[in-house]
Amino acid sequence: RQRQMCIRARPMTGGNAMLAVRKHRLDELPLDTVLSDGMNMAGGPQLSSVDAWQVTVRVSPHGSPMAQKGDPFNTATVTTEQLDKRLLINIDQRWPEYPED
């Protein structure tokens, strides 16, 4: 399996539903990417339905869509006031033993 990076957005409050998911191969880095309403899970809420999101970027060295202990990752909070700005997320943490992915 090819190493990949998963970018996902969830609401800061009011649930744990995935609002948007995007995957990229690591050989595409560095990259700019956009999350939009069209990337929501089937039948789920859209990004535009909330005012703040938790964006998580996780690297999967093994190519699995499920998080595994030790996967590099980081999160950032994004609000509607930041939508016209570039968000830089440094991937400098390791996924815990029991991920909530």
Protein backbone atom coordinates (compact mmCIF):
# COMPACT_ATOMS: atom_id res chain seq x y z
CA ARG A 1 0.00 0.00 0.00
CA GLN A 2 1.13 3.51 -0.73
CA ARG A 3 1.73 5.96 2.09
CA GLN A 4 -1.02 8.56 2.30
CA MET A 5 -2.21 11.61 4.18
CA CYS A 6 -5.82 11.99 5.34
CA ILE A 7 -7.35 15.41 5.99
CA ARG A 8 -10.70 15.47 7.72
CA ALA A 9 -12.96 18.07 9.30
CA ARG A 10 -15.41 17.59 12.15
CA PRO A 11 -17.57 20.13 13.98
CA MET A 12 -16.01 21.66 17.10
CA THR A 13 -19.32 21.24 18.93
CA GLY A 14 -22.53 19.33 18.39
CA GLY A 15 -21.30 15.93 17.33
CA ASN A 16 -18.52 13.89 15.86
CA ALA A 17 -19.80 13.60 12.27
CA MET A 18 -17.27 13.88 9.46
CA LEU A 19 -17.96 17.06 7.53
CA ALA A 20 -15.28 16.57 4.88
CA VAL A 21 -12.56 14.06 4.05
CA ARG A 22 -9.69 14.36 1.60
CA LYS A 23 -6.82 11.96 0.91
CA HIS A 24 -3.49 12.61 -0.78
CA ARG A 25 -0.42 10.53 -1.52
CA LEU A 26 2.69 11.65 0.34
CA ASP A 27 4.53 12.12 -2.94
CA GLU A 28 2.11 15.02 -3.65
CA LEU A 29 3.62 17.09 -0.81
CA PRO A 30 3.93 19.97 -0.37
CA LEU A 31 0.40 20.81 -1.45
CA ASP A 32 -2.49 23.18 -1.12
CA THR A 33 -5.89 21.58 -0.74
CA VAL A 34 -9.45 22.74 -0.21
CA LEU A 35 -12.23 21.16 1.83
CA SER A 36 -15.79 21.85 0.68
CA ASP A 37 -19.44 20.89 1.24
CA GLY A 38 -19.19 18.37 -1.58
CA MET A 39 -16.76 16.25 0.44
CA ASN A 40 -19.14 15.32 3.25
CA MET A 41 -20.04 11.76 4.09
CA ALA A 42 -23.19 10.50 2.34
CA GLY A 43 -26.24 12.04 3.96
CA GLY A 44 -24.19 13.77 6.64
CA PRO A 45 -23.96 17.44 7.57
CA GLN A 46 -21.98 19.87 5.44
CA LEU A 47 -19.05 22.11 6.36
CA SER A 48 -21.23 25.17 5.88
CA SER A 49 -23.66 23.93 8.56
CA VAL A 50 -21.27 24.88 11.40
CA ASP A 51 -19.14 27.91 12.35
CA ALA A 52 -16.03 26.09 13.61
CA TRP A 53 -14.26 22.89 12.63
CA GLN A 54 -11.53 20.66 13.96
CA VAL A 55 -9.25 19.81 11.04
CA THR A 56 -7.03 16.74 11.53
CA VAL A 57 -4.17 15.83 9.23
CA ARG A 58 -2.83 12.29 9.71
CA VAL A 59 -0.08 10.49 7.83
CA SER A 60 -0.52 6.79 7.26
CA PRO A 61 2.92 5.27 6.62
CA HIS A 62 1.23 1.89 6.07
CA GLY A 63 -1.50 3.17 3.71
CA SER A 64 -4.41 2.22 5.97
CA PRO A 65 -7.47 4.49 6.22
CA MET A 66 -7.73 3.63 9.93
CA ALA A 67 -5.43 5.40 12.39
CA GLN A 68 -2.80 3.23 14.04
CA LYS A 69 -0.64 3.82 17.09
CA GLY A 70 2.27 6.06 16.23
CA ASP A 71 0.82 7.60 13.05
CA PRO A 72 2.06 11.20 12.68
CA PHE A 73 -0.76 13.77 12.94
CA ASN A 74 -1.90 17.15 14.21
CA THR A 75 -5.13 19.12 14.52
CA ALA A 76 -6.18 22.74 14.17
CA THR A 77 -9.34 24.68 14.86
CA VAL A 78 -10.75 26.65 11.96
CA THR A 79 -13.55 29.23 12.19
CA THR A 80 -15.57 31.04 9.54
CA GLU A 81 -13.44 34.17 10.15
CA GLN A 82 -10.39 32.23 8.89
CA LEU A 83 -11.85 30.95 5.64
CA ASP A 84 -9.97 33.40 3.43
CA LYS A 85 -6.62 32.60 5.06
CA ARG A 86 -4.13 29.81 4.48
CA LEU A 87 -3.96 27.22 7.26
CA LEU A 88 -0.60 25.61 7.96
CA ILE A 89 -0.64 22.43 10.04
CA ASN A 90 2.67 21.01 11.26
CA ILE A 91 2.42 17.25 11.65
CA ASP A 92 4.38 16.88 14.88
CA GLN A 93 2.39 14.54 17.13
CA ARG A 94 1.94 10.75 17.26
CA TRP A 95 -1.44 8.99 17.32
CA PRO A 96 -2.21 7.43 20.73
CA GLU A 97 -2.57 3.69 21.32
CA TYR A 98 -6.38 3.73 21.14
CA PRO A 99 -7.38 6.19 18.38
CA GLU A 100 -10.90 7.55 18.10
CA ASP A 101 -10.80 7.39 14.31
